[in-house]
Amino acid sequence: MDHVIGGKFKLGRKIGSGSFGELYLGINVQSGEEVAVKLESVKTKHPQLHYESKLYMLLQGGTGIPHLKWFGVEVDYNVMVIDLLGPSLEDLFNYCNRKLSLKTVLMLADQLINRVEYMHSRGFLHRDIKPDNFLMGLGSQSKSGLHH
């Protein structure tokens, strides 16, 4: 059975999970674009997805900020659809045997600082800055490198 979210996003395979809920690969059935679909049970004791979607709306347009494509409730889940991103900085660090060149560290630090400065300029304090929470873009479709 195919699950279609928001009338146009087909739910694919599971690509992650955590305290927030579950993350799936999705496909925009109109354009063929791959997206990320976050699901959170409506019964969760501490819902966060609606708040997260509002933050993405507030931060829209900033370099390295994923585009919020849809938010709503489907059956028993709060659902948020955003740009599909690549691996986290933690994943990258592990892939490189936990060794990065000084040039790479400085380039990543510059992007990370710019993202955090942008969030601060929009009145948002992150409070959980760590390599797992910063994701890489996906090559040619990414104009901005590092994402939060």
N, C-alpha and C. Protein backbone atom coordinates (compact mmCIF):
# COMPACT_ATOMS: atom_id res chain seq x y z
N MET A 1 0.84 -1.19 0.00
CA MET A 1 0.00 0.00 0.00
C MET A 1 0.88 1.24 0.00
N ASP A 2 0.62 2.17 -0.93
CA ASP A 2 1.37 3.42 -1.00
C ASP A 2 0.75 4.45 -0.07
N HIS A 3 1.59 5.07 0.72
CA HIS A 3 1.14 6.16 1.59
C HIS A 3 1.52 7.47 0.93
N VAL A 4 0.54 8.34 0.70
CA VAL A 4 0.80 9.65 0.12
C VAL A 4 0.50 10.70 1.17
N ILE A 5 1.48 11.55 1.43
CA ILE A 5 1.41 12.59 2.45
C ILE A 5 1.06 13.92 1.80
N GLY A 6 0.11 14.63 2.39
CA GLY A 6 -0.23 15.96 1.89
C GLY A 6 -0.67 15.97 0.45
N GLY A 7 -1.14 14.84 -0.04
CA GLY A 7 -1.64 14.77 -1.41
C GLY A 7 -0.58 14.67 -2.48
N LYS A 8 0.73 14.79 -2.11
CA LYS A 8 1.73 14.75 -3.18
C LYS A 8 3.09 14.17 -2.81
N PHE A 9 3.27 13.68 -1.60
CA PHE A 9 4.55 13.10 -1.20
C PHE A 9 4.38 11.62 -0.86
N LYS A 10 4.97 10.76 -1.70
CA LYS A 10 4.89 9.32 -1.48
C LYS A 10 5.95 8.92 -0.46
N LEU A 11 5.50 8.19 0.56
CA LEU A 11 6.39 7.75 1.63
C LEU A 11 7.21 6.56 1.17
N GLY A 12 8.53 6.65 1.35
CA GLY A 12 9.44 5.57 0.96
C GLY A 12 10.01 4.86 2.17
N ARG A 13 11.25 4.43 2.06
CA ARG A 13 11.89 3.65 3.12
C ARG A 13 12.32 4.52 4.30
N LYS A 14 12.42 3.87 5.43
CA LYS A 14 12.86 4.54 6.65
C LYS A 14 14.36 4.81 6.54
N ILE A 15 14.78 6.04 6.85
CA ILE A 15 16.20 6.39 6.75
C ILE A 15 16.78 6.85 8.08
N GLY A 16 15.95 6.92 9.13
CA GLY A 16 16.47 7.31 10.43
C GLY A 16 15.39 7.33 11.48
N SER A 17 15.83 7.41 12.73
CA SER A 17 14.89 7.54 13.83
C SER A 17 15.62 8.14 15.02
N GLY A 18 14.85 8.62 15.97
CA GLY A 18 15.43 9.22 17.16
C GLY A 18 14.34 9.59 18.13
N SER A 19 14.69 10.43 19.08
CA SER A 19 13.71 10.84 20.09
C SER A 19 12.56 11.62 19.46
N PHE A 20 12.80 12.25 18.32
CA PHE A 20 11.79 13.05 17.63
C PHE A 20 10.73 12.20 16.94
N GLY A 21 11.04 10.95 16.63
CA GLY A 21 10.14 10.11 15.86
C GLY A 21 10.92 9.38 14.79
N GLU A 22 10.38 9.34 13.57
CA GLU A 22 11.02 8.58 12.51
C GLU A 22 11.18 9.43 11.26
N LEU A 23 12.23 9.14 10.49
CA LEU A 23 12.55 9.87 9.29
C LEU A 23 12.50 8.92 8.09
N TYR A 24 11.79 9.34 7.04
CA TYR A 24 11.62 8.52 5.84
C TYR A 24 12.06 9.29 4.61
N LEU A 25 12.49 8.54 3.62
CA LEU A 25 12.70 9.08 2.29
C LEU A 25 11.32 9.25 1.68
N GLY A 26 11.11 10.34 0.98
CA GLY A 26 9.85 10.56 0.28
C GLY A 26 10.11 11.02 -1.14
N ILE A 27 9.08 10.95 -1.96
CA ILE A 27 9.16 11.40 -3.35
C ILE A 27 7.97 12.31 -3.63
N ASN A 28 8.25 13.48 -4.20
CA ASN A 28 7.18 14.35 -4.67
C ASN A 28 6.63 13.69 -5.94
N VAL A 29 5.38 13.22 -5.88
CA VAL A 29 4.82 12.46 -7.01
C VAL A 29 4.60 13.33 -8.24
N GLN A 30 4.58 14.66 -8.07
CA GLN A 30 4.39 15.57 -9.21
C GLN A 30 5.71 15.87 -9.92
N SER A 31 6.80 16.05 -9.13
CA SER A 31 8.08 16.46 -9.72
C SER A 31 9.15 15.38 -9.71
N GLY A 32 8.96 14.32 -8.90
CA GLY A 32 9.97 13.28 -8.77
C GLY A 32 11.09 13.63 -7.80
N GLU A 33 11.03 14.81 -7.19
CA GLU A 33 12.06 15.24 -6.24
C GLU A 33 12.05 14.38 -4.98
N GLU A 34 13.24 13.98 -4.52
CA GLU A 34 13.35 13.27 -3.25
C GLU A 34 13.31 14.26 -2.10
N VAL A 35 12.60 13.89 -1.04
CA VAL A 35 12.44 14.75 0.13
C VAL A 35 12.63 13.91 1.39
N ALA A 36 12.73 14.59 2.52
CA ALA A 36 12.76 13.92 3.82
C ALA A 36 11.40 14.11 4.47
N VAL A 37 10.86 13.04 5.04
CA VAL A 37 9.55 13.08 5.71
C VAL A 37 9.74 12.68 7.17
N LYS A 38 9.46 13.60 8.07
CA LYS A 38 9.56 13.32 9.51
C LYS A 38 8.17 13.01 10.04
N LEU A 39 8.06 11.91 10.77
CA LEU A 39 6.79 11.49 11.37
C LEU A 39 6.92 11.48 12.89
N GLU A 40 5.89 11.99 13.55
CA GLU A 40 5.83 11.99 15.02
C GLU A 40 4.41 11.61 15.41
N SER A 41 4.27 10.65 16.29
CA SER A 41 2.94 10.22 16.72
C SER A 41 2.19 11.40 17.35
N VAL A 42 0.92 11.54 17.01
CA VAL A 42 0.11 12.60 17.62
C VAL A 42 -0.08 12.35 19.11
N LYS A 43 0.19 11.12 19.54
CA LYS A 43 0.00 10.75 20.95
C LYS A 43 1.26 10.96 21.79
N THR A 44 2.34 11.44 21.19
CA THR A 44 3.58 11.63 21.94
C THR A 44 3.38 12.61 23.09
N LYS A 45 4.06 12.35 24.19
CA LYS A 45 3.89 13.19 25.38
C LYS A 45 4.50 14.57 25.21
N HIS A 46 5.54 14.68 24.39
CA HIS A 46 6.22 15.96 24.19
C HIS A 46 6.36 16.25 22.70
N PRO A 47 5.26 16.65 22.05
CA PRO A 47 5.32 16.89 20.60
C PRO A 47 6.28 18.04 20.27
N GLN A 48 7.08 17.83 19.22
CA GLN A 48 8.06 18.85 18.82
C GLN A 48 7.97 19.22 17.36
N LEU A 49 7.34 18.39 16.55
CA LEU A 49 7.38 18.59 15.10
C LEU A 49 6.68 19.88 14.66
N HIS A 50 5.57 20.22 15.28
CA HIS A 50 4.87 21.46 14.91
C HIS A 50 5.76 22.66 15.22
N TYR A 51 6.39 22.64 16.39
CA TYR A 51 7.32 23.70 16.78
C TYR A 51 8.49 23.77 15.79
N GLU A 52 9.05 22.61 15.43
CA GLU A 52 10.16 22.58 14.48
C GLU A 52 9.74 23.14 13.13
N SER A 53 8.53 22.83 12.68
CA SER A 53 8.06 23.36 11.39
C SER A 53 7.92 24.88 11.44
N LYS A 54 7.48 25.41 12.58
CA LYS A 54 7.37 26.87 12.72
C LYS A 54 8.75 27.52 12.68
N LEU A 55 9.75 26.87 13.28
CA LEU A 55 11.11 27.40 13.23
C LEU A 55 11.63 27.42 11.80
N TYR A 56 11.38 26.34 11.04
CA TYR A 56 11.81 26.33 9.65
C TYR A 56 11.12 27.44 8.86
N MET A 57 9.86 27.71 9.14
CA MET A 57 9.16 28.82 8.46
C MET A 57 9.83 30.14 8.80
N LEU A 58 10.19 30.33 10.06
CA LEU A 58 10.85 31.56 10.51
C LEU A 58 12.22 31.73 9.84
N LEU A 59 12.92 30.63 9.64
CA LEU A 59 14.28 30.67 9.10
C LEU A 59 14.35 30.54 7.58
N GLN A 60 13.20 30.34 6.90
CA GLN A 60 13.18 30.14 5.45
C GLN A 60 13.96 31.22 4.73
N GLY A 61 14.69 30.80 3.70
CA GLY A 61 15.44 31.74 2.87
C GLY A 61 16.88 31.89 3.29
N GLY A 62 17.22 31.44 4.47
CA GLY A 62 18.61 31.53 4.92
C GLY A 62 19.47 30.47 4.24
N THR A 63 20.71 30.82 3.95
CA THR A 63 21.64 29.87 3.36
C THR A 63 21.80 28.67 4.29
N GLY A 64 21.65 27.49 3.73
CA GLY A 64 21.84 26.27 4.51
C GLY A 64 20.64 25.84 5.33
N ILE A 65 19.52 26.52 5.18
CA ILE A 65 18.30 26.15 5.91
C ILE A 65 17.43 25.31 4.96
N PRO A 66 17.07 24.09 5.35
CA PRO A 66 16.22 23.28 4.48
C PRO A 66 14.86 23.95 4.25
N HIS A 67 14.33 23.77 3.07
CA HIS A 67 13.03 24.34 2.72
C HIS A 67 11.92 23.47 3.29
N LEU A 68 11.01 24.09 4.03
CA LEU A 68 9.84 23.39 4.55
C LEU A 68 8.84 23.26 3.40
N LYS A 69 8.52 22.03 3.03
CA LYS A 69 7.64 21.80 1.89
C LYS A 69 6.20 21.54 2.30
N TRP A 70 5.99 20.99 3.51
CA TRP A 70 4.63 20.71 3.96
C TRP A 70 4.66 20.32 5.43
N PHE A 71 3.62 20.74 6.16
CA PHE A 71 3.41 20.26 7.52
C PHE A 71 1.92 20.02 7.71
N GLY A 72 1.57 18.94 8.39
CA GLY A 72 0.17 18.67 8.68
C GLY A 72 0.03 17.38 9.47
N VAL A 73 -1.20 16.96 9.63
CA VAL A 73 -1.50 15.72 10.35
C VAL A 73 -2.06 14.72 9.35
N GLU A 74 -1.50 13.52 9.34
CA GLU A 74 -1.98 12.43 8.50
C GLU A 74 -2.25 11.24 9.41
N VAL A 75 -3.49 10.81 9.48
CA VAL A 75 -3.93 9.69 10.32
C VAL A 75 -3.49 9.95 11.76
N ASP A 76 -2.54 9.17 12.29
CA ASP A 76 -2.12 9.32 13.68
C ASP A 76 -0.76 10.00 13.82
N TYR A 77 -0.33 10.74 12.80
CA TYR A 77 1.01 11.33 12.82
C TYR A 77 1.01 12.81 12.47
N ASN A 78 1.83 13.57 13.20
CA ASN A 78 2.25 14.89 12.75
C ASN A 78 3.33 14.61 11.71
N VAL A 79 3.26 15.32 10.58
CA VAL A 79 4.18 15.05 9.47
C VAL A 79 4.79 16.36 8.99
N MET A 80 6.11 16.34 8.79
CA MET A 80 6.81 17.48 8.23
C MET A 80 7.64 16.99 7.04
N VAL A 81 7.54 17.69 5.92
CA VAL A 81 8.30 17.36 4.72
C VAL A 81 9.27 18.49 4.45
N ILE A 82 10.57 18.16 4.36
CA ILE A 82 11.61 19.15 4.10
C ILE A 82 12.56 18.62 3.03
N ASP A 83 13.49 19.48 2.60
CA ASP A 83 14.53 19.05 1.67
C ASP A 83 15.26 17.83 2.22
N LEU A 84 15.61 16.93 1.34
CA LEU A 84 16.45 15.79 1.71
C LEU A 84 17.89 16.27 1.76
N LEU A 85 18.56 15.97 2.87
CA LEU A 85 19.95 16.39 3.05
C LEU A 85 20.86 15.18 3.13
N GLY A 86 22.15 15.43 3.19
CA GLY A 86 23.14 14.37 3.24
C GLY A 86 23.53 14.01 4.66
N PRO A 87 24.74 13.48 4.81
CA PRO A 87 25.19 13.03 6.13
C PRO A 87 25.46 14.19 7.08
N SER A 88 25.48 13.87 8.36
CA SER A 88 25.81 14.87 9.38
C SER A 88 27.32 15.09 9.44
N LEU A 89 27.72 16.15 10.14
CA LEU A 89 29.15 16.36 10.35
C LEU A 89 29.77 15.20 11.13
N GLU A 90 29.01 14.63 12.05
CA GLU A 90 29.49 13.47 12.80
C GLU A 90 29.74 12.30 11.85
N ASP A 91 28.80 12.06 10.92
CA ASP A 91 28.98 10.99 9.93
C ASP A 91 30.23 11.25 9.08
N LEU A 92 30.40 12.50 8.64
CA LEU A 92 31.55 12.87 7.82
C LEU A 92 32.85 12.63 8.59
N PHE A 93 32.88 13.05 9.84
CA PHE A 93 34.06 12.88 10.69
C PHE A 93 34.41 11.40 10.83
N ASN A 94 33.40 10.57 11.07
CA ASN A 94 33.63 9.13 11.19
C ASN A 94 34.09 8.52 9.86
N TYR A 95 33.50 8.97 8.75
CA TYR A 95 33.87 8.48 7.43
C TYR A 95 35.35 8.77 7.14
N CYS A 96 35.84 9.89 7.66
CA CYS A 96 37.23 10.31 7.45
C CYS A 96 38.14 9.82 8.56
N ASN A 97 37.74 8.75 9.23
CA ASN A 97 38.53 8.17 10.33
C ASN A 97 38.85 9.18 11.42
N ARG A 98 37.92 10.09 11.63
CA ARG A 98 38.00 11.11 12.68
C ARG A 98 39.22 12.02 12.51
N LYS A 99 39.64 12.20 11.25
CA LYS A 99 40.75 13.10 10.94
C LYS A 99 40.34 13.98 9.76
N LEU A 100 40.36 15.29 9.97
CA LEU A 100 40.06 16.25 8.92
C LEU A 100 41.24 17.21 8.81
N SER A 101 41.50 17.68 7.59
CA SER A 101 42.59 18.64 7.41
C SER A 101 42.21 19.97 8.05
N LEU A 102 43.22 20.78 8.33
CA LEU A 102 42.97 22.11 8.90
C LEU A 102 42.09 22.92 7.96
N LYS A 103 42.35 22.84 6.65
CA LYS A 103 41.54 23.58 5.67
C LYS A 103 40.07 23.17 5.76
N THR A 104 39.81 21.87 5.85
CA THR A 104 38.42 21.37 5.95
C THR A 104 37.76 21.85 7.23
N VAL A 105 38.48 21.76 8.34
CA VAL A 105 37.94 22.21 9.63
C VAL A 105 37.60 23.69 9.56
N LEU A 106 38.48 24.51 8.98
CA LEU A 106 38.23 25.95 8.90
C LEU A 106 37.05 26.26 7.98
N MET A 107 36.94 25.55 6.86
CA MET A 107 35.81 25.78 5.95
C MET A 107 34.49 25.39 6.61
N LEU A 108 34.48 24.25 7.30
CA LEU A 108 33.27 23.82 8.00
C LEU A 108 32.92 24.78 9.14
N ALA A 109 33.94 25.22 9.88
CA ALA A 109 33.71 26.15 11.00
C ALA A 109 33.11 27.45 10.49
N ASP A 110 33.62 27.95 9.37
CA ASP A 110 33.09 29.19 8.79
C ASP A 110 31.61 29.04 8.44
N GLN A 111 31.25 27.93 7.81
CA GLN A 111 29.85 27.69 7.46
C GLN A 111 28.99 27.52 8.71
N LEU A 112 29.49 26.78 9.68
CA LEU A 112 28.74 26.55 10.91
C LEU A 112 28.48 27.87 11.64
N ILE A 113 29.51 28.70 11.75
CA ILE A 113 29.36 30.01 12.41
C ILE A 113 28.35 30.86 11.66
N ASN A 114 28.41 30.86 10.32
CA ASN A 114 27.44 31.63 9.54
C ASN A 114 26.01 31.16 9.77
N ARG A 115 25.80 29.82 9.86
CA ARG A 115 24.45 29.30 10.11
C ARG A 115 23.95 29.72 11.49
N VAL A 116 24.81 29.62 12.50
CA VAL A 116 24.41 29.99 13.86
C VAL A 116 24.16 31.49 13.95
N GLU A 117 25.00 32.30 13.31
CA GLU A 117 24.77 33.75 13.29
C GLU A 117 23.42 34.08 12.66
N TYR A 118 23.08 33.39 11.57
CA TYR A 118 21.79 33.62 10.92
C TYR A 118 20.63 33.28 11.86
N MET A 119 20.73 32.13 12.54
CA MET A 119 19.67 31.76 13.49
C MET A 119 19.54 32.82 14.58
N HIS A 120 20.66 33.29 15.09
CA HIS A 120 20.63 34.34 16.13
C HIS A 120 19.99 35.62 15.59
N SER A 121 20.30 35.96 14.33
CA SER A 121 19.74 37.19 13.75
C SER A 121 18.22 37.12 13.61
N ARG A 122 17.68 35.89 13.58
CA ARG A 122 16.24 35.70 13.49
C ARG A 122 15.61 35.46 14.86
N GLY A 123 16.41 35.65 15.93
CA GLY A 123 15.89 35.54 17.29
C GLY A 123 15.81 34.12 17.83
N PHE A 124 16.57 33.21 17.22
CA PHE A 124 16.51 31.81 17.62
C PHE A 124 17.83 31.40 18.27
N LEU A 125 17.74 30.83 19.46
CA LEU A 125 18.90 30.29 20.17
C LEU A 125 18.85 28.77 20.07
N HIS A 126 19.89 28.16 19.52
CA HIS A 126 19.85 26.73 19.19
C HIS A 126 19.81 25.80 20.40
N ARG A 127 20.75 25.91 21.30
CA ARG A 127 20.82 25.14 22.55
C ARG A 127 21.20 23.67 22.41
N ASP A 128 21.47 23.19 21.20
CA ASP A 128 21.92 21.80 21.05
C ASP A 128 22.87 21.69 19.87
N ILE A 129 23.90 22.52 19.88
CA ILE A 129 24.87 22.52 18.79
C ILE A 129 25.83 21.35 18.98
N LYS A 130 25.81 20.45 17.98
CA LYS A 130 26.72 19.30 17.98
C LYS A 130 26.80 18.78 16.54
N PRO A 131 27.86 18.04 16.23
CA PRO A 131 28.05 17.57 14.84
C PRO A 131 26.87 16.78 14.28
N ASP A 132 26.16 16.04 15.12
CA ASP A 132 25.00 15.27 14.64
C ASP A 132 23.87 16.17 14.12
N ASN A 133 23.83 17.43 14.55
CA ASN A 133 22.73 18.32 14.21
C ASN A 133 23.02 19.24 13.04
N PHE A 134 24.15 19.07 12.37
CA PHE A 134 24.46 19.84 11.18
C PHE A 134 24.68 18.87 10.04
N LEU A 135 23.92 19.06 8.96
CA LEU A 135 23.91 18.11 7.85
C LEU A 135 24.53 18.73 6.61
N MET A 136 25.14 17.88 5.80
CA MET A 136 25.72 18.31 4.53
C MET A 136 24.62 18.39 3.48
N GLY A 137 24.86 19.25 2.49
CA GLY A 137 23.96 19.31 1.35
C GLY A 137 24.22 18.12 0.44
N LEU A 138 23.40 18.00 -0.60
CA LEU A 138 23.53 16.85 -1.52
C LEU A 138 24.11 17.29 -2.86
N GLY A 139 25.35 17.68 -2.88
CA GLY A 139 26.06 17.96 -4.13
C GLY A 139 25.48 19.08 -4.95
N SER A 140 25.25 18.82 -6.25
CA SER A 140 24.89 19.87 -7.20
C SER A 140 23.55 20.53 -6.88
N GLN A 141 22.62 19.80 -6.25
CA GLN A 141 21.33 20.42 -5.95
C GLN A 141 21.44 21.35 -4.74
N SER A 142 22.55 21.24 -4.00
CA SER A 142 22.75 22.05 -2.81
C SER A 142 23.57 23.27 -3.17
N LYS A 143 23.02 24.45 -2.93
CA LYS A 143 23.73 25.68 -3.22
C LYS A 143 24.50 26.15 -2.00
N SER A 144 24.36 25.43 -0.88
CA SER A 144 24.79 26.04 0.36
C SER A 144 25.66 25.20 1.28
N GLY A 145 26.04 24.02 0.90
CA GLY A 145 26.95 23.24 1.75
C GLY A 145 26.35 22.71 3.02
N LEU A 146 26.67 23.35 4.13
CA LEU A 146 26.28 22.87 5.45
C LEU A 146 24.89 23.34 5.82
N HIS A 147 24.09 22.44 6.38
CA HIS A 147 22.70 22.74 6.74
C HIS A 147 22.46 22.47 8.21
N HIS A 148 21.46 23.16 8.73
CA HIS A 148 20.98 22.78 10.06
C HIS A 148 19.54 22.34 9.91
